[in-house]
């Protein structure tokens, strides 16, 4: 017949210590979520700024294409 182990008693200190770990991990999870939310917010802001830069560059490219066409037309007129 197999021997059954004696029940192990958990002191109040050990029990409170374990509960403290649970609360700490929940706090860490909240900290991680808060940190990620802040990072997402910064990314969204940066993405908006990049969109503005892209629009500005697109306008510059259009302006350069127009000037390029003018130069080509002047060259054709000269030749």
PDB file of N, CA and C in Angstrom:
ATOM      1  N   UNK A   1       0.831  -1.161   0.000  1.00  0.00           N
ATOM      2  CA  UNK A   1       0.000   0.000   0.000  1.00  0.00           C
ATOM      3  C   UNK A   1       0.893   1.249   0.000  1.00  0.00           C
ATOM      4  N   UNK A   2       0.526   2.272  -0.815  1.00  0.00           N
ATOM      5  CA  UNK A   2       1.334   3.481  -0.936  1.00  0.00           C
ATOM      6  C   UNK A   2       1.105   4.388   0.258  1.00  0.00           C
ATOM      7  N   UNK A   3       2.178   4.977   0.706  1.00  0.00           N
ATOM      8  CA  UNK A   3       2.076   5.887   1.846  1.00  0.00           C
ATOM      9  C   UNK A   3       1.620   7.255   1.348  1.00  0.00           C
ATOM     10  N   UNK A   4       0.689   7.847   2.059  1.00  0.00           N
ATOM     11  CA  UNK A   4       0.224   9.186   1.699  1.00  0.00           C
ATOM     12  C   UNK A   4       1.071  10.207   2.433  1.00  0.00           C
ATOM     13  N   UNK A   5       1.435  11.301   1.748  1.00  0.00           N
ATOM     14  CA  UNK A   5       2.261  12.309   2.416  1.00  0.00           C
ATOM     15  C   UNK A   5       1.449  13.041   3.471  1.00  0.00           C
ATOM     16  N   UNK A   6       2.155  13.498   4.477  1.00  0.00           N
ATOM     17  CA  UNK A   6       1.503  14.278   5.527  1.00  0.00           C
ATOM     18  C   UNK A   6       1.072  15.617   4.943  1.00  0.00           C
ATOM     19  N   UNK A   7      -0.084  16.137   5.360  1.00  0.00           N
ATOM     20  CA  UNK A   7      -0.511  17.448   4.866  1.00  0.00           C
ATOM     21  C   UNK A   7       0.482  18.528   5.291  1.00  0.00           C
ATOM     22  N   UNK A   8       0.705  19.457   4.407  1.00  0.00           N
ATOM     23  CA  UNK A   8       1.645  20.542   4.674  1.00  0.00           C
ATOM     24  C   UNK A   8       0.848  21.756   5.104  1.00  0.00           C
ATOM     25  N   UNK A   9       1.250  22.321   6.227  1.00  0.00           N
ATOM     26  CA  UNK A   9       0.569  23.515   6.709  1.00  0.00           C
ATOM     27  C   UNK A   9       1.256  24.748   6.132  1.00  0.00           C
ATOM     28  N   UNK A  10       0.437  25.695   5.715  1.00  0.00           N
ATOM     29  CA  UNK A  10       0.958  26.952   5.182  1.00  0.00           C
ATOM     30  C   UNK A  10       0.734  28.016   6.234  1.00  0.00           C
ATOM     31  N   UNK A  11       1.810  28.672   6.588  1.00  0.00           N
ATOM     32  CA  UNK A  11       1.678  29.714   7.606  1.00  0.00           C
ATOM     33  C   UNK A  11       1.010  30.940   6.996  1.00  0.00           C
ATOM     34  N   UNK A  12       0.527  31.808   7.845  1.00  0.00           N
ATOM     35  CA  UNK A  12      -0.138  33.028   7.395  1.00  0.00           C
ATOM     36  C   UNK A  12       0.834  33.901   6.606  1.00  0.00           C
ATOM     37  N   UNK A  13       2.098  33.912   6.993  1.00  0.00           N
ATOM     38  CA  UNK A  13       3.099  34.718   6.303  1.00  0.00           C
ATOM     39  C   UNK A  13       3.274  34.246   4.861  1.00  0.00           C
ATOM     40  N   UNK A  14       3.397  32.934   4.678  1.00  0.00           N
ATOM     41  CA  UNK A  14       3.567  32.394   3.333  1.00  0.00           C
ATOM     42  C   UNK A  14       2.338  32.665   2.482  1.00  0.00           C
ATOM     43  N   UNK A  15       1.160  32.543   3.077  1.00  0.00           N
ATOM     44  CA  UNK A  15      -0.080  32.776   2.343  1.00  0.00           C
ATOM     45  C   UNK A  15      -0.173  34.239   1.903  1.00  0.00           C
ATOM     46  N   UNK A  16       0.155  35.167   2.785  1.00  0.00           N
ATOM     47  CA  UNK A  16       0.124  36.587   2.443  1.00  0.00           C
ATOM     48  C   UNK A  16       1.174  36.909   1.387  1.00  0.00           C
ATOM     49  N   UNK A  17       2.320  36.247   1.480  1.00  0.00           N
ATOM     50  CA  UNK A  17       3.391  36.486   0.518  1.00  0.00           C
ATOM     51  C   UNK A  17       2.940  36.062  -0.884  1.00  0.00           C
ATOM     52  N   UNK A  18       2.255  34.934  -0.993  1.00  0.00           N
ATOM     53  CA  UNK A  18       1.747  34.467  -2.280  1.00  0.00           C
ATOM     54  C   UNK A  18       0.717  35.431  -2.845  1.00  0.00           C
ATOM     55  N   UNK A  19      -0.167  35.947  -1.986  1.00  0.00           N
ATOM     56  CA  UNK A  19      -1.173  36.895  -2.456  1.00  0.00           C
ATOM     57  C   UNK A  19      -0.510  38.180  -2.924  1.00  0.00           C
ATOM     58  N   UNK A  20       0.558  38.567  -2.266  1.00  0.00           N
ATOM     59  CA  UNK A  20       1.296  39.754  -2.678  1.00  0.00           C
ATOM     60  C   UNK A  20       1.861  39.582  -4.077  1.00  0.00           C
ATOM     61  N   UNK A  21       2.307  38.386  -4.402  1.00  0.00           N
ATOM     62  CA  UNK A  21       2.818  38.125  -5.743  1.00  0.00           C
ATOM     63  C   UNK A  21       1.708  38.252  -6.773  1.00  0.00           C
ATOM     64  N   UNK A  22       0.517  37.763  -6.434  1.00  0.00           N
ATOM     65  CA  UNK A  22      -0.601  37.858  -7.376  1.00  0.00           C
ATOM     66  C   UNK A  22      -0.916  39.320  -7.668  1.00  0.00           C
ATOM     67  N   UNK A  23      -0.996  40.125  -6.636  1.00  0.00           N
ATOM     68  CA  UNK A  23      -1.305  41.544  -6.819  1.00  0.00           C
ATOM     69  C   UNK A  23      -0.185  42.254  -7.571  1.00  0.00           C
ATOM     70  N   UNK A  24       1.046  41.864  -7.292  1.00  0.00           N
ATOM     71  CA  UNK A  24       2.174  42.487  -7.981  1.00  0.00           C
ATOM     72  C   UNK A  24       2.134  42.151  -9.460  1.00  0.00           C
ATOM     73  N   UNK A  25       1.799  40.916  -9.793  1.00  0.00           N
ATOM     74  CA  UNK A  25       1.753  40.554 -11.208  1.00  0.00           C
ATOM     75  C   UNK A  25       0.599  41.259 -11.903  1.00  0.00           C
ATOM     76  N   UNK A  26      -0.502  41.446 -11.206  1.00  0.00           N
ATOM     77  CA  UNK A  26      -1.609  42.196 -11.798  1.00  0.00           C
ATOM     78  C   UNK A  26      -1.190  43.642 -12.014  1.00  0.00           C
ATOM     79  N   UNK A  27      -0.473  44.194 -11.060  1.00  0.00           N
ATOM     80  CA  UNK A  27       0.022  45.558 -11.203  1.00  0.00           C
ATOM     81  C   UNK A  27       0.995  45.663 -12.363  1.00  0.00           C
ATOM     82  N   UNK A  28       1.853  44.669 -12.511  1.00  0.00           N
ATOM     83  CA  UNK A  28       2.800  44.659 -13.619  1.00  0.00           C
ATOM     84  C   UNK A  28       2.065  44.563 -14.943  1.00  0.00           C
ATOM     85  N   UNK A  29       1.008  43.762 -14.985  1.00  0.00           N
ATOM     86  CA  UNK A  29       0.222  43.642 -16.214  1.00  0.00           C
ATOM     87  C   UNK A  29      -0.396  44.980 -16.577  1.00  0.00           C
ATOM     88  N   UNK A  30      -0.918  45.663 -15.575  1.00  0.00           N
ATOM     89  CA  UNK A  30      -1.508  46.981 -15.830  1.00  0.00           C
ATOM     90  C   UNK A  30      -0.446  47.960 -16.298  1.00  0.00           C
ATOM     91  N   UNK A  31       0.748  47.877 -15.694  1.00  0.00           N
ATOM     92  CA  UNK A  31       1.844  48.750 -16.110  1.00  0.00           C
ATOM     93  C   UNK A  31       2.226  48.474 -17.561  1.00  0.00           C
ATOM     94  N   UNK A  32       2.251  47.203 -17.932  1.00  0.00           N
ATOM     95  CA  UNK A  32       2.596  46.831 -19.303  1.00  0.00           C
ATOM     96  C   UNK A  32       1.545  47.370 -20.263  1.00  0.00           C
ATOM     97  N   UNK A  33       0.276  47.202 -19.913  1.00  0.00           N
ATOM     98  CA  UNK A  33      -0.806  47.690 -20.772  1.00  0.00           C
ATOM     99  C   UNK A  33      -0.731  49.208 -20.899  1.00  0.00           C
ATOM    100  N   UNK A  34      -0.512  49.892 -19.794  1.00  0.00           N
ATOM    101  CA  UNK A  34      -0.401  51.352 -19.823  1.00  0.00           C
ATOM    102  C   UNK A  34       0.777  51.779 -20.688  1.00  0.00           C
ATOM    103  N   UNK A  35       1.893  51.092 -20.534  1.00  0.00           N
ATOM    104  CA  UNK A  35       3.078  51.398 -21.328  1.00  0.00           C
ATOM    105  C   UNK A  35       2.809  51.173 -22.814  1.00  0.00           C
ATOM    106  N   UNK A  36       2.158  50.066 -23.138  1.00  0.00           N
ATOM    107  CA  UNK A  36       1.846  49.779 -24.538  1.00  0.00           C
ATOM    108  C   UNK A  36       0.873  50.801 -25.113  1.00  0.00           C
ATOM    109  N   UNK A  37      -0.107  51.208 -24.319  1.00  0.00           N
ATOM    110  CA  UNK A  37      -1.056  52.226 -24.785  1.00  0.00           C
ATOM    111  C   UNK A  37      -0.335  53.539 -25.076  1.00  0.00           C
ATOM    112  N   UNK A  38       0.621  53.899 -24.236  1.00  0.00           N
ATOM    113  CA  UNK A  38       1.390  55.128 -24.459  1.00  0.00           C
ATOM    114  C   UNK A  38       2.222  55.011 -25.734  1.00  0.00           C
ATOM    115  N   UNK A  39       2.810  53.836 -25.944  1.00  0.00           N
ATOM    116  CA  UNK A  39       3.615  53.630 -27.154  1.00  0.00           C
ATOM    117  C   UNK A  39       2.750  53.691 -28.403  1.00  0.00           C
ATOM    118  N   UNK A  40       1.563  53.090 -28.348  1.00  0.00           N
ATOM    119  CA  UNK A  40       0.646  53.131 -29.489  1.00  0.00           C
ATOM    120  C   UNK A  40       0.236  54.569 -29.773  1.00  0.00           C
ATOM    121  N   UNK A  41      -0.020  55.327 -28.721  1.00  0.00           N
ATOM    122  CA  UNK A  41      -0.391  56.733 -28.890  1.00  0.00           C
ATOM    123  C   UNK A  41       0.730  57.514 -29.577  1.00  0.00           C
ATOM    124  N   UNK A  42       1.973  57.281 -29.144  1.00  0.00           N
ATOM    125  CA  UNK A  42       3.114  57.960 -29.777  1.00  0.00           C
ATOM    126  C   UNK A  42       3.265  57.527 -31.233  1.00  0.00           C
ATOM    127  N   UNK A  43       3.063  56.227 -31.494  1.00  0.00           N
ATOM    128  CA  UNK A  43       3.155  55.737 -32.869  1.00  0.00           C
ATOM    129  C   UNK A  43       2.096  56.375 -33.760  1.00  0.00           C
ATOM    130  N   UNK A  44       0.876  56.492 -33.244  1.00  0.00           N
ATOM    131  CA  UNK A  44      -0.190  57.120 -34.022  1.00  0.00           C
ATOM    132  C   UNK A  44       0.146  58.578 -34.314  1.00  0.00           C
ATOM    133  N   UNK A  45       0.690  59.267 -33.321  1.00  0.00           N
ATOM    134  CA  UNK A  45       1.079  60.662 -33.511  1.00  0.00           C
ATOM    135  C   UNK A  45       2.182  60.770 -34.560  1.00  0.00           C
ATOM    136  N   UNK A  46       3.185  59.902 -34.446  1.00  0.00           N
ATOM    137  CA  UNK A  46       4.284  59.910 -35.413  1.00  0.00           C
ATOM    138  C   UNK A  46       3.796  59.549 -36.811  1.00  0.00           C
ATOM    139  N   UNK A  47       2.851  58.633 -36.888  1.00  0.00           N
ATOM    140  CA  UNK A  47       2.301  58.243 -38.181  1.00  0.00           C
ATOM    141  C   UNK A  47       1.581  59.419 -38.831  1.00  0.00           C
ATOM    142  N   UNK A  48       0.849  60.188 -38.041  1.00  0.00           N
ATOM    143  CA  UNK A  48       0.188  61.383 -38.565  1.00  0.00           C
ATOM    144  C   UNK A  48       1.195  62.394 -39.081  1.00  0.00           C
ATOM    145  N   UNK A  49       2.279  62.577 -38.331  1.00  0.00           N
ATOM    146  CA  UNK A  49       3.333  63.501 -38.749  1.00  0.00           C
ATOM    147  C   UNK A  49       3.984  63.019 -40.041  1.00  0.00           C
ATOM    148  N   UNK A  50       4.241  61.714 -40.122  1.00  0.00           N
ATOM    149  CA  UNK A  50       4.830  61.162 -41.343  1.00  0.00           C
ATOM    150  C   UNK A  50       3.892  61.340 -42.530  1.00  0.00           C
ATOM    151  N   UNK A  51       2.596  61.185 -42.297  1.00  0.00           N
ATOM    152  CA  UNK A  51       1.617  61.399 -43.362  1.00  0.00           C
ATOM    153  C   UNK A  51       1.683  62.822 -43.889  1.00  0.00           C
ATOM    154  N   UNK A  52       1.839  63.786 -42.977  1.00  0.00           N
ATOM    155  CA  UNK A  52       1.970  65.188 -43.387  1.00  0.00           C
ATOM    156  C   UNK A  52       3.228  65.394 -44.230  1.00  0.00           C
ATOM    157  N   UNK A  53       4.333  64.763 -43.811  1.00  0.00           N
ATOM    158  CA  UNK A  53       5.583  64.875 -44.570  1.00  0.00           C
ATOM    159  C   UNK A  53       5.432  64.259 -45.962  1.00  0.00           C
ATOM    160  N   UNK A  54       4.770  63.118 -46.038  1.00  0.00           N
ATOM    161  CA  UNK A  54       4.558  62.462 -47.333  1.00  0.00           C
ATOM    162  C   UNK A  54       3.731  63.362 -48.246  1.00  0.00           C
ATOM    163  N   UNK A  55       2.685  63.964 -47.703  1.00  0.00           N
ATOM    164  CA  UNK A  55       1.860  64.880 -48.497  1.00  0.00           C
ATOM    165  C   UNK A  55       2.690  66.064 -48.997  1.00  0.00           C
ATOM    166  N   UNK A  56       3.547  66.595 -48.128  1.00  0.00           N
ATOM    167  CA  UNK A  56       4.412  67.712 -48.501  1.00  0.00           C
ATOM    168  C   UNK A  56       5.380  67.294 -49.608  1.00  0.00           C
ATOM    169  N   UNK A  57       5.984  66.112 -49.458  1.00  0.00           N
ATOM    170  CA  UNK A  57       6.910  65.617 -50.478  1.00  0.00           C
ATOM    171  C   UNK A  57       6.195  65.354 -51.797  1.00  0.00           C
ATOM    172  N   UNK A  58       4.967  64.868 -51.718  1.00  0.00           N
ATOM    173  CA  UNK A  58       4.181  64.622 -52.926  1.00  0.00           C
ATOM    174  C   UNK A  58       3.947  65.935 -53.675  1.00  0.00           C
ATOM    175  N   UNK A  59       3.645  66.987 -52.934  1.00  0.00           N
ATOM    176  CA  UNK A  59       3.473  68.307 -53.546  1.00  0.00           C
ATOM    177  C   UNK A  59       4.756  68.796 -54.195  1.00  0.00           C
ATOM    178  N   UNK A  60       5.887  68.555 -53.529  1.00  0.00           N
ATOM    179  CA  UNK A  60       7.180  68.955 -54.098  1.00  0.00           C
ATOM    180  C   UNK A  60       7.472  68.184 -55.380  1.00  0.00           C
ATOM    181  N   UNK A  61       7.166  66.894 -55.386  1.00  0.00           N
ATOM    182  CA  UNK A  61       7.381  66.072 -56.585  1.00  0.00           C
ATOM    183  C   UNK A  61       6.526  66.577 -57.740  1.00  0.00           C
ATOM    184  N   UNK A  62       5.286  66.915 -57.453  1.00  0.00           N
ATOM    185  CA  UNK A  62       4.412  67.453 -58.501  1.00  0.00           C
ATOM    186  C   UNK A  62       4.981  68.750 -59.065  1.00  0.00           C
ATOM    187  N   UNK A  63       5.501  69.598 -58.188  1.00  0.00           N
ATOM    188  CA  UNK A  63       6.098  70.860 -58.620  1.00  0.00           C
ATOM    189  C   UNK A  63       7.326  70.603 -59.495  1.00  0.00           C
ATOM    190  N   UNK A  64       8.162  69.646 -59.096  1.00  0.00           N
ATOM    191  CA  UNK A  64       9.353  69.313 -59.884  1.00  0.00           C
ATOM    192  C   UNK A  64       8.976  68.729 -61.245  1.00  0.00           C
ATOM    193  N   UNK A  65       7.939  67.904 -61.273  1.00  0.00           N
ATOM    194  CA  UNK A  65       7.495  67.332 -62.547  1.00  0.00           C
ATOM    195  C   UNK A  65       7.010  68.434 -63.490  1.00  0.00           C
ATOM    196  N   UNK A  66       6.315  69.415 -62.945  1.00  0.00           N
ATOM    197  CA  UNK A  66       5.841  70.541 -63.755  1.00  0.00           C
ATOM    198  C   UNK A  66       7.020  71.331 -64.311  1.00  0.00           C
ATOM    199  N   UNK A  67       8.015  71.619 -63.461  1.00  0.00           N
ATOM    200  CA  UNK A  67       9.199  72.357 -63.913  1.00  0.00           C
ATOM    201  C   UNK A  67       9.978  71.548 -64.942  1.00  0.00           C
ATOM    202  N   UNK A  68      10.057  70.234 -64.748  1.00  0.00           N
ATOM    203  CA  UNK A  68      10.740  69.356 -65.698  1.00  0.00           C
ATOM    204  C   UNK A  68      10.070  69.431 -67.070  1.00  0.00           C
ATOM    205  N   UNK A  69       8.748  69.391 -67.073  1.00  0.00           N
ATOM    206  CA  UNK A  69       8.013  69.491 -68.343  1.00  0.00           C
ATOM    207  C   UNK A  69       8.264  70.838 -69.008  1.00  0.00           C
ATOM    208  N   UNK A  70       8.323  71.915 -68.219  1.00  0.00           N
ATOM    209  CA  UNK A  70       8.604  73.246 -68.768  1.00  0.00           C
ATOM    210  C   UNK A  70      10.000  73.297 -69.383  1.00  0.00           C
ATOM    211  N   UNK A  71      10.979  72.714 -68.703  1.00  0.00           N
ATOM    212  CA  UNK A  71      12.358  72.707 -69.205  1.00  0.00           C
ATOM    213  C   UNK A  71      12.432  71.935 -70.518  1.00  0.00           C
ATOM    214  N   UNK A  72      11.787  70.777 -70.571  1.00  0.00           N
ATOM    215  CA  UNK A  72      11.799  69.976 -71.797  1.00  0.00           C
ATOM    216  C   UNK A  72      11.152  70.738 -72.953  1.00  0.00           C
ATOM    217  N   UNK A  73      10.074  71.425 -72.658  1.00  0.00           N
ATOM    218  CA  UNK A  73       9.403  72.188 -73.713  1.00  0.00           C
ATOM    219  C   UNK A  73      10.295  73.329 -74.201  1.00  0.00           C
ATOM    220  N   UNK A  74      11.021  73.985 -73.287  1.00  0.00           N
ATOM    221  CA  UNK A  74      11.948  75.057 -73.684  1.00  0.00           C
ATOM    222  C   UNK A  74      13.086  74.501 -74.539  1.00  0.00           C
ATOM    223  N   UNK A  75      13.596  73.331 -74.164  1.00  0.00           N
ATOM    224  CA  UNK A  75      14.680  72.706 -74.927  1.00  0.00           C
ATOM    225  C   UNK A  75      14.198  72.368 -76.334  1.00  0.00           C
ATOM    226  N   UNK A  76      12.987  71.837 -76.454  1.00  0.00           N
ATOM    227  CA  UNK A  76      12.430  71.508 -77.774  1.00  0.00           C
ATOM    228  C   UNK A  76      12.275  72.768 -78.618  1.00  0.00           C
ATOM    229  N   UNK A  77      11.860  73.856 -77.985  1.00  0.00           N
ATOM    230  CA  UNK A  77      11.697  75.117 -78.716  1.00  0.00           C
ATOM    231  C   UNK A  77      13.039  75.634 -79.227  1.00  0.00           C
ATOM    232  N   UNK A  78      14.093  75.465 -78.442  1.00  0.00           N
ATOM    233  CA  UNK A  78      15.420  75.938 -78.825  1.00  0.00           C
ATOM    234  C   UNK A  78      15.963  75.105 -79.981  1.00  0.00           C
ATOM    235  N   UNK A  79      15.717  73.798 -79.947  1.00  0.00           N
ATOM    236  CA  UNK A  79      16.238  72.938 -81.004  1.00  0.00           C
ATOM    237  C   UNK A  79      15.374  73.109 -82.219  1.00  0.00           C
TER     238      UNK A  79
END
